[in-house]
Amino acid sequence: MKNTSARGLARSRWVPGNRVSLLENGEEFFPRVFEAVRRAQREVIIETFILYEDKVGTELHACLCSAARRGVRVDVLIDGFGSPNLSEAFIDGMASAGVRLRVFDPGHSILGQRLNLLRRMHRKIVVVDDACAFVGGINFSADQLLDFGDTAKQDYAVELNGPIVQVIRRFAAHAIAADKKAQSVRSLRPGPSEPQPESAGRAGGHARAGEAEVCLVTRDNWRHTNNIERHYRVAIRSARHRVVIANAYFFPGYRLIQDMRNASRRGVDVRLILQGEPDIPIVRVAARMLYHHLLLAGVSIFEYCERPMHAKVALTDDCWSTVGSSNLDPLSLALNLEANVVVHDQAFNRALSERLERMSSHCKRIEAADLGKWSSWRLVRSLVVFHLLRWYPSWIAWLPHHAPRVTPLGH
């Protein structure tokens, strides 16, 4: 049964008639993207947080340059913090082929340290010819492939076909606009006449490709500051049977924590799949500060121990699902530019559920006994952390609020 309350959130923003295919890790994601780019006839748009000059980046480079040479318009936007070390040869090769490569807020290093830490362009979007789009958490780097070894990332993305592609394409085209001065404003503060991802519920002119209703949900630092969190909260509050969240960096705000606790107390099976072997050790320390509060309310917590988990996916009941770039931490929920798709479709929900069940077989279930004794110091520390979470969305807005630049690269 569909989650009617969640569907009621900005009802006109949902786009029906789409096919959504789940892609797990680079083994499924990269071949689909590269093949779509090789078939491109008119346009390719890519936004990615990380583009490395490794075997994945090199193959993407070759595909994009080939497309540009045959007359396809190719626009690529990378993040200045996430993709800092591309060589001149790599960049100039793209420029010579006609690829329009731009960097979001390139920043500068001081004593080898990059200082442009805040308000990153963390989205991962690919659009090809208005025919297909990809949204998720997978970057263009070799560590998204299993043959990378023990530190290969576990991650997900989706391929979309149908009317939603036009909505995603319109959003990406504005975000990667050719006028860099206009872009520095538009990416953060779009004017009322510009199409917005959540106001484009009518994507006429595109044939139905499936049965899924899809909504593109983004966050920025001006007009869409909490849209992704809001969709999560509505889905959790509306859940009747189950909530499953697999998220790499878990340190959400007070309200989202309370929604999970309340759902569990009313009988919903609430499960969290978090990192047990994190790529950044502090991630596990931060998440574990919240475990007691969640376990006491009946929330089940599992830590994925196979390798670093980079997923940002969730599902509720048998119809609602989301896949995207947004973690449930202060950076994603209050600072970074993010993009998720929310999907209403039983078949996709079932496919995601099966993948998460498979991943759960490599997880350790966390019990209260695993966390040590409940000392007075642990109680004080947890209460302080818990209530700091209640206020961080307000005080984090006081952090430096510059307008990041989008700078062309290459000659």
Protein backbone atom coordinates (compact mmCIF):
# COMPACT_ATOMS: atom_id res chain seq x y z
CA MET A 1 0.00 0.00 0.00
CA LYS A 2 1.30 3.45 -0.86
CA ASN A 3 2.41 5.83 1.82
CA THR A 4 -0.31 8.40 1.27
CA SER A 5 1.03 10.95 3.75
CA ALA A 6 4.45 10.91 2.08
CA ARG A 7 2.81 11.19 -1.32
CA GLY A 8 0.94 14.23 -0.05
CA LEU A 9 4.22 16.12 0.48
CA ALA A 10 4.23 18.53 -2.45
CA ARG A 11 1.92 16.27 -4.48
CA SER A 12 2.36 18.25 -7.71
CA ARG A 13 6.11 17.57 -7.63
CA TRP A 14 5.78 13.85 -8.30
CA VAL A 15 6.35 12.70 -11.88
CA PRO A 16 4.60 9.46 -12.90
CA GLY A 17 5.46 6.99 -15.64
CA ASN A 18 9.12 6.20 -14.99
CA ARG A 19 11.35 3.15 -14.91
CA VAL A 20 13.91 3.08 -12.08
CA SER A 21 16.74 0.53 -12.04
CA LEU A 22 18.90 -0.01 -8.97
CA LEU A 23 22.67 -0.13 -9.58
CA GLU A 24 25.02 -1.51 -6.92
CA ASN A 25 28.67 -0.47 -6.81
CA GLY A 26 30.85 0.55 -9.73
CA GLU A 27 30.52 -2.87 -11.39
CA GLU A 28 26.91 -2.09 -12.28
CA PHE A 29 27.07 1.71 -12.41
CA PHE A 30 30.10 2.51 -14.58
CA PRO A 31 29.26 0.23 -17.56
CA ARG A 32 25.75 1.70 -17.76
CA VAL A 33 27.01 5.29 -17.64
CA PHE A 34 29.84 4.71 -20.11
CA GLU A 35 27.52 2.95 -22.56
CA ALA A 36 24.97 5.78 -22.32
CA VAL A 37 27.71 8.35 -23.04
CA ARG A 38 28.94 6.30 -26.03
CA ARG A 39 25.39 6.35 -27.43
CA ALA A 40 24.88 10.07 -26.80
CA GLN A 41 23.82 12.11 -29.80
CA ARG A 42 23.19 15.61 -28.45
CA GLU A 43 24.13 16.25 -24.82
CA VAL A 44 25.87 14.83 -21.76
CA ILE A 45 25.77 16.56 -18.35
CA ILE A 46 27.73 15.22 -15.39
CA GLU A 47 28.00 16.51 -11.83
CA THR A 48 30.26 14.63 -9.44
CA PHE A 49 31.94 15.30 -6.13
CA ILE A 50 34.98 13.14 -6.97
CA LEU A 51 36.67 12.56 -10.30
CA TYR A 52 40.03 10.83 -9.94
CA GLU A 53 42.61 10.29 -12.64
CA ASP A 54 42.62 6.52 -12.18
CA LYS A 55 41.31 3.71 -14.38
CA VAL A 56 37.69 4.83 -13.90
CA GLY A 57 38.42 8.51 -14.51
CA THR A 58 40.56 7.64 -17.53
CA GLU A 59 37.76 5.61 -19.12
CA LEU A 60 35.25 8.37 -18.43
CA HIS A 61 37.72 10.88 -19.94
CA ALA A 62 37.95 8.79 -23.12
CA CYS A 63 34.15 8.42 -23.42
CA LEU A 64 33.52 12.13 -22.91
CA CYS A 65 36.23 13.25 -25.31
CA SER A 66 34.96 10.86 -27.98
CA ALA A 67 31.41 12.17 -27.54
CA ALA A 68 32.55 15.80 -27.74
CA ARG A 69 34.57 15.15 -30.91
CA ARG A 70 31.51 13.77 -32.69
CA GLY A 71 29.54 16.92 -31.88
CA VAL A 72 27.85 16.08 -28.57
CA ARG A 73 27.70 18.97 -26.10
CA VAL A 74 29.47 17.72 -22.97
CA ASP A 75 29.36 19.62 -19.66
CA VAL A 76 31.11 18.36 -16.53
CA LEU A 77 31.02 19.97 -13.08
CA ILE A 78 33.38 18.66 -10.39
CA ASP A 79 33.91 19.81 -6.82
CA GLY A 80 37.06 21.71 -5.92
CA PHE A 81 37.52 19.89 -2.62
CA GLY A 82 36.58 16.42 -3.83
CA SER A 83 38.56 16.52 -7.10
CA PRO A 84 41.69 18.59 -6.39
CA ASN A 85 44.50 16.81 -8.22
CA LEU A 86 43.67 16.42 -11.91
CA SER A 87 46.72 16.87 -14.11
CA GLU A 88 47.05 19.56 -16.76
CA ALA A 89 47.21 16.86 -19.44
CA PHE A 90 43.91 15.35 -18.22
CA ILE A 91 42.20 18.75 -18.14
CA ASP A 92 43.65 20.03 -21.42
CA GLY A 93 42.75 16.78 -23.16
CA MET A 94 39.11 17.39 -22.29
CA ALA A 95 39.27 21.03 -23.33
CA SER A 96 40.92 20.17 -26.67
CA ALA A 97 38.14 17.67 -27.43
CA GLY A 98 35.48 20.27 -26.63
CA VAL A 99 34.40 19.09 -23.18
CA ARG A 100 33.30 22.01 -20.97
CA LEU A 101 34.89 21.20 -17.61
CA ARG A 102 34.17 23.40 -14.61
CA VAL A 103 35.10 23.22 -10.95
CA PHE A 104 32.82 24.25 -8.10
CA ASP A 105 34.60 26.47 -5.57
CA PRO A 106 38.20 25.45 -6.37
CA GLY A 107 39.72 27.05 -3.27
CA HIS A 108 43.42 27.21 -2.44
CA SER A 109 45.80 25.18 -0.32
CA ILE A 110 47.79 26.66 2.54
CA LEU A 111 50.76 24.56 3.67
CA GLY A 112 49.25 21.65 1.76
CA GLN A 113 45.89 21.89 3.53
CA ARG A 114 42.70 22.58 1.60
CA LEU A 115 40.56 25.09 3.48
CA ASN A 116 37.41 25.02 1.32
CA LEU A 117 35.78 22.40 3.53
CA LEU A 118 32.26 23.78 3.78
CA ARG A 119 29.29 23.94 1.42
CA ARG A 120 30.57 21.39 -1.09
CA MET A 121 28.90 20.37 -4.36
CA HIS A 122 28.28 16.78 -3.25
CA ARG A 123 25.74 15.75 -5.92
CA LYS A 124 26.26 12.82 -8.31
CA ILE A 125 24.11 13.30 -11.43
CA VAL A 126 24.47 12.15 -15.04
CA VAL A 127 22.01 13.08 -17.80
CA VAL A 128 22.32 11.86 -21.39
CA ASP A 129 20.19 13.20 -24.25
CA ASP A 130 17.03 13.65 -22.19
CA ALA A 131 16.83 9.86 -22.57
CA CYS A 132 18.27 8.61 -19.31
CA ALA A 133 19.61 9.94 -16.04
CA PHE A 134 21.65 8.56 -13.15
CA VAL A 135 21.44 9.77 -9.53
CA GLY A 136 23.11 8.30 -6.46
CA GLY A 137 26.16 8.22 -4.25
CA ILE A 138 28.77 6.72 -6.57
CA ASN A 139 31.75 8.88 -7.54
CA PHE A 140 34.00 8.38 -10.57
CA SER A 141 36.87 6.68 -8.79
CA ALA A 142 38.39 3.20 -8.69
CA ASP A 143 37.61 2.75 -4.99
CA GLN A 144 33.98 2.20 -6.02
CA LEU A 145 35.02 -1.14 -7.59
CA LEU A 146 35.37 -4.36 -5.60
CA ASP A 147 38.80 -5.14 -7.08
CA PHE A 148 40.11 -2.07 -5.22
CA GLY A 149 40.42 -4.33 -2.19
CA ASP A 150 39.41 -4.12 1.47
CA THR A 151 38.74 -0.38 1.26
CA ALA A 152 36.43 -0.57 -1.77
CA LYS A 153 33.18 1.27 -1.03
CA GLN A 154 29.73 -0.32 -0.90
CA ASP A 155 27.36 2.06 -2.69
CA TYR A 156 24.22 2.51 -4.80
CA ALA A 157 22.79 4.62 -7.63
CA VAL A 158 19.75 4.48 -9.91
CA GLU A 159 19.23 4.70 -13.65
CA LEU A 160 16.04 6.54 -14.59
CA ASN A 161 14.04 6.54 -17.82
CA GLY A 162 10.84 8.43 -18.51
CA PRO A 163 9.45 11.93 -17.86
CA ILE A 164 11.56 12.49 -14.72
CA VAL A 165 14.67 12.69 -16.91
CA GLN A 166 13.53 16.05 -18.27
CA VAL A 167 13.15 17.38 -14.72
CA ILE A 168 16.65 16.20 -13.77
CA ARG A 169 18.09 17.54 -17.02
CA ARG A 170 16.54 20.97 -16.46
CA PHE A 171 17.94 21.13 -12.94
CA ALA A 172 21.42 19.98 -14.00
CA ALA A 173 21.52 22.37 -16.95
CA HIS A 174 20.89 25.34 -14.66
CA ALA A 175 23.42 24.12 -12.13
CA ILE A 176 26.12 23.81 -14.76
CA ALA A 177 25.22 27.00 -16.68
CA ALA A 178 27.81 28.37 -19.10
CA ASP A 179 27.77 31.85 -17.56
CA LYS A 180 29.98 31.37 -14.52
CA LYS A 181 28.91 34.68 -12.95
CA ALA A 182 25.26 33.74 -13.22
CA GLN A 183 26.07 30.24 -11.99
CA SER A 184 27.66 31.46 -8.77
CA VAL A 185 24.28 32.95 -7.91
CA ARG A 186 21.92 30.48 -9.58
CA SER A 187 23.40 27.38 -7.99
CA LEU A 188 22.61 28.82 -4.57
CA ARG A 189 19.82 31.33 -5.14
CA PRO A 190 17.65 30.53 -8.15
CA GLY A 191 15.17 33.15 -9.21
CA PRO A 192 11.44 32.52 -9.13
CA SER A 193 11.22 32.19 -12.92
CA GLU A 194 13.77 29.37 -13.10
CA PRO A 195 12.58 25.77 -13.09
CA GLN A 196 13.14 24.04 -9.76
CA PRO A 197 13.47 20.30 -9.22
CA GLU A 198 10.52 20.11 -6.86
CA SER A 199 8.22 22.44 -8.80
CA ALA A 200 8.48 20.59 -12.10
CA GLY A 201 5.79 18.01 -11.64
CA ARG A 202 4.68 18.24 -15.26
CA ALA A 203 7.28 16.79 -17.59
CA GLY A 204 5.18 16.58 -20.70
CA GLY A 205 6.52 15.38 -24.02
CA HIS A 206 8.25 12.29 -22.64
CA ALA A 207 6.67 8.87 -23.10
CA ARG A 208 5.97 6.69 -20.08
CA ALA A 209 8.73 4.19 -19.45
CA GLY A 210 7.34 2.44 -16.36
CA GLU A 211 5.04 2.68 -13.37
CA ALA A 212 7.20 4.53 -10.82
CA GLU A 213 6.39 7.96 -9.47
CA VAL A 214 9.63 9.86 -8.87
CA CYS A 215 10.54 13.15 -7.26
CA LEU A 216 13.95 14.84 -7.55
CA VAL A 217 14.72 16.33 -4.14
CA THR A 218 17.70 18.65 -3.65
CA ARG A 219 19.16 20.83 -0.91
CA ASP A 220 21.04 24.08 -1.27
CA ASN A 221 21.90 26.91 1.10
CA TRP A 222 19.13 29.33 0.14
CA ARG A 223 15.68 28.10 -0.81
CA HIS A 224 15.85 24.32 -0.38
CA THR A 225 17.72 24.00 2.90
CA ASN A 226 15.89 21.03 4.43
CA ASN A 227 13.96 19.34 1.62
CA ILE A 228 15.76 15.99 1.79
CA GLU A 229 15.47 15.78 5.58
CA ARG A 230 11.78 16.70 5.31
CA HIS A 231 11.09 13.80 2.94
CA TYR A 232 12.84 11.40 5.32
CA ARG A 233 10.84 12.69 8.28
CA VAL A 234 7.47 12.47 6.55
CA ALA A 235 8.21 8.92 5.38
CA ILE A 236 9.30 7.79 8.85
CA ARG A 237 6.32 9.41 10.56
CA SER A 238 3.97 7.78 8.06
CA ALA A 239 5.52 4.29 8.17
CA ARG A 240 3.24 1.50 9.38
CA HIS A 241 5.40 -1.60 9.17
CA ARG A 242 9.09 -0.98 8.55
CA VAL A 243 11.82 1.59 8.08
CA VAL A 244 15.24 0.57 6.75
CA ILE A 245 17.98 3.19 6.47
CA ALA A 246 21.49 2.42 5.19
CA ASN A 247 23.64 5.51 5.55
CA ALA A 248 27.38 6.01 5.58
CA TYR A 249 27.72 9.07 7.81
CA PHE A 250 25.03 9.01 10.47
CA PHE A 251 24.72 11.94 12.87
CA PRO A 252 21.28 13.44 12.18
CA GLY A 253 19.44 16.17 14.01
CA TYR A 254 17.20 15.85 17.04
CA ARG A 255 13.93 15.76 15.10
CA LEU A 256 14.98 12.94 12.80
CA ILE A 257 16.24 10.91 15.77
CA GLN A 258 12.92 11.48 17.56
CA ASP A 259 10.94 10.41 14.50
CA MET A 260 12.87 7.11 14.43
CA ARG A 261 12.34 6.55 18.16
CA ASN A 262 8.63 7.36 17.93
CA ALA A 263 8.14 5.06 14.95
CA SER A 264 9.79 2.18 16.81
CA ARG A 265 7.68 2.80 19.93
CA ARG A 266 4.47 2.56 17.93
CA GLY A 267 5.49 -0.87 16.60
CA VAL A 268 7.32 -0.09 13.36
CA ASP A 269 10.37 -2.25 12.65
CA VAL A 270 13.07 0.45 12.41
CA ARG A 271 16.47 -0.77 11.22
CA LEU A 272 19.67 1.20 10.73
CA ILE A 273 22.59 -0.15 8.69
CA LEU A 274 25.67 1.93 9.49
CA GLN A 275 29.41 1.70 9.01
CA GLY A 276 31.33 -0.90 11.00
CA GLU A 277 34.56 -0.43 9.01
CA PRO A 278 34.41 3.30 8.21
CA ASP A 279 36.79 5.06 5.85
CA ILE A 280 36.88 7.92 8.39
CA PRO A 281 37.21 6.48 11.95
CA ILE A 282 35.51 9.43 13.69
CA VAL A 283 32.32 8.51 11.81
CA ARG A 284 31.78 5.41 13.93
CA VAL A 285 32.62 7.24 17.16
CA ALA A 286 30.05 9.95 16.40
CA ALA A 287 27.30 7.50 15.44
CA ARG A 288 27.87 5.35 18.53
CA MET A 289 27.11 8.32 20.76
CA LEU A 290 23.50 7.97 19.61
CA TYR A 291 23.16 4.20 19.92
CA HIS A 292 21.82 4.06 23.48
CA HIS A 293 19.01 6.50 22.72
CA LEU A 294 17.97 4.49 19.68
CA LEU A 295 18.34 1.02 21.21
CA LEU A 296 16.31 1.98 24.27
CA ALA A 297 13.42 2.94 21.96
CA GLY A 298 13.61 -0.42 20.16
CA VAL A 299 15.50 0.67 17.02
CA SER A 300 17.64 -2.13 15.58
CA ILE A 301 21.21 -1.14 14.64
CA PHE A 302 23.50 -3.13 12.36
CA GLU A 303 27.10 -2.30 11.47
CA TYR A 304 28.35 -3.34 8.03
CA CYS A 305 31.73 -4.97 8.54
CA GLU A 306 32.72 -6.18 5.06
CA ARG A 307 34.34 -2.90 3.95
CA PRO A 308 33.55 0.85 4.09
CA MET A 309 29.88 1.51 3.38
CA HIS A 310 29.18 4.62 1.31
CA ALA A 311 25.44 4.09 0.80
CA LYS A 312 22.77 6.77 1.20
CA VAL A 313 19.54 4.80 0.72
CA ALA A 314 16.34 4.12 2.65
CA LEU A 315 12.93 2.50 2.31
CA THR A 316 9.68 2.42 4.27
CA ASP A 317 6.85 -0.11 4.11
CA ASP A 318 6.43 -1.57 0.60
CA CYS A 319 6.46 1.47 -1.70
CA TRP A 320 8.61 4.45 -0.56
CA SER A 321 12.36 4.48 -1.31
CA THR A 322 15.14 7.00 -1.71
CA VAL A 323 18.62 6.85 -3.26
CA GLY A 324 21.01 9.76 -3.56
CA SER A 325 24.07 11.65 -2.41
CA SER A 326 22.83 12.91 0.97
CA ASN A 327 24.19 11.45 4.17
CA LEU A 328 22.33 11.93 7.45
CA ASP A 329 24.96 14.15 9.03
CA PRO A 330 25.47 17.91 9.52
CA LEU A 331 27.46 18.36 6.30
CA SER A 332 24.78 16.85 4.06
CA LEU A 333 21.72 18.06 5.96
CA ALA A 334 22.87 21.63 6.62
CA LEU A 335 25.79 22.59 4.35
CA ASN A 336 26.41 20.63 1.15
CA LEU A 337 24.58 20.76 -2.18
CA GLU A 338 22.87 17.36 -2.47
CA ALA A 339 20.47 15.45 -4.72
CA ASN A 340 18.27 12.42 -4.01
CA VAL A 341 15.46 10.80 -5.89
CA VAL A 342 12.43 9.61 -3.95
CA VAL A 343 10.60 6.70 -5.60
CA HIS A 344 7.07 5.42 -5.10
CA ASP A 345 7.06 1.97 -6.64
CA GLN A 346 6.58 -1.46 -5.10
CA ALA A 347 8.90 -3.25 -7.52
CA PHE A 348 11.78 -0.86 -6.85
CA ASN A 349 11.14 -0.96 -3.10
CA ARG A 350 11.33 -4.75 -3.26
CA ALA A 351 14.56 -4.69 -5.28
CA LEU A 352 16.22 -2.30 -2.82
CA SER A 353 14.96 -4.35 0.11
CA GLU A 354 16.52 -7.52 -1.33
CA ARG A 355 19.90 -5.79 -1.79
CA LEU A 356 19.84 -4.46 1.78
CA GLU A 357 18.90 -7.89 3.13
CA ARG A 358 21.90 -9.32 1.32
CA MET A 359 24.13 -6.60 2.77
CA SER A 360 22.74 -7.31 6.24
CA SER A 361 24.27 -10.79 6.11
CA HIS A 362 27.66 -9.06 6.42
CA CYS A 363 26.56 -6.96 9.39
CA LYS A 364 26.94 -7.26 13.14
CA ARG A 365 23.84 -6.48 15.15
CA ILE A 366 24.60 -4.03 17.96
CA GLU A 367 23.24 -4.82 21.41
CA ALA A 368 23.29 -2.58 24.47
CA ALA A 369 25.86 -4.89 26.05
CA ASP A 370 28.28 -4.09 23.21
CA LEU A 371 28.39 -0.45 24.27
CA GLY A 372 29.75 -0.98 27.75
CA LYS A 373 28.29 0.03 31.07
CA TRP A 374 25.95 2.99 31.27
CA SER A 375 28.19 5.21 33.44
CA SER A 376 27.29 8.68 34.69
CA TRP A 377 29.90 10.13 32.33
CA ARG A 378 28.37 8.28 29.38
CA LEU A 379 24.93 9.56 30.41
CA VAL A 380 26.10 13.18 30.61
CA ARG A 381 28.01 12.92 27.32
CA SER A 382 25.06 11.37 25.50
CA LEU A 383 22.61 13.95 26.84
CA VAL A 384 24.90 16.80 25.75
CA VAL A 385 25.33 15.31 22.28
CA PHE A 386 21.64 14.53 21.97
CA HIS A 387 20.56 18.07 22.76
CA LEU A 388 23.31 19.66 20.69
CA LEU A 389 21.73 17.81 17.78
CA ARG A 390 18.47 19.57 18.56
CA TRP A 391 20.02 22.95 17.82
CA TYR A 392 22.71 22.39 15.22
CA PRO A 393 20.50 23.25 12.20
CA SER A 394 20.12 26.73 13.69
CA TRP A 395 23.68 27.48 14.72
CA ILE A 396 25.34 25.84 11.74
CA ALA A 397 23.73 28.51 9.53
CA TRP A 398 26.12 31.01 11.14
CA LEU A 399 29.14 29.33 9.58
CA PRO A 400 30.85 31.22 6.70
CA HIS A 401 28.31 31.70 3.95
CA HIS A 402 30.26 32.72 0.87
CA ALA A 403 28.92 32.28 -2.66
CA PRO A 404 31.10 29.54 -4.20
CA ARG A 405 32.53 30.19 -7.66
CA VAL A 406 32.23 27.93 -10.70
CA THR A 407 35.46 28.21 -12.67
CA PRO A 408 36.15 26.81 -16.17
CA LEU A 409 39.21 24.58 -16.48
CA GLY A 410 41.46 24.07 -19.50
CA HIS A 411 42.66 26.38 -22.22
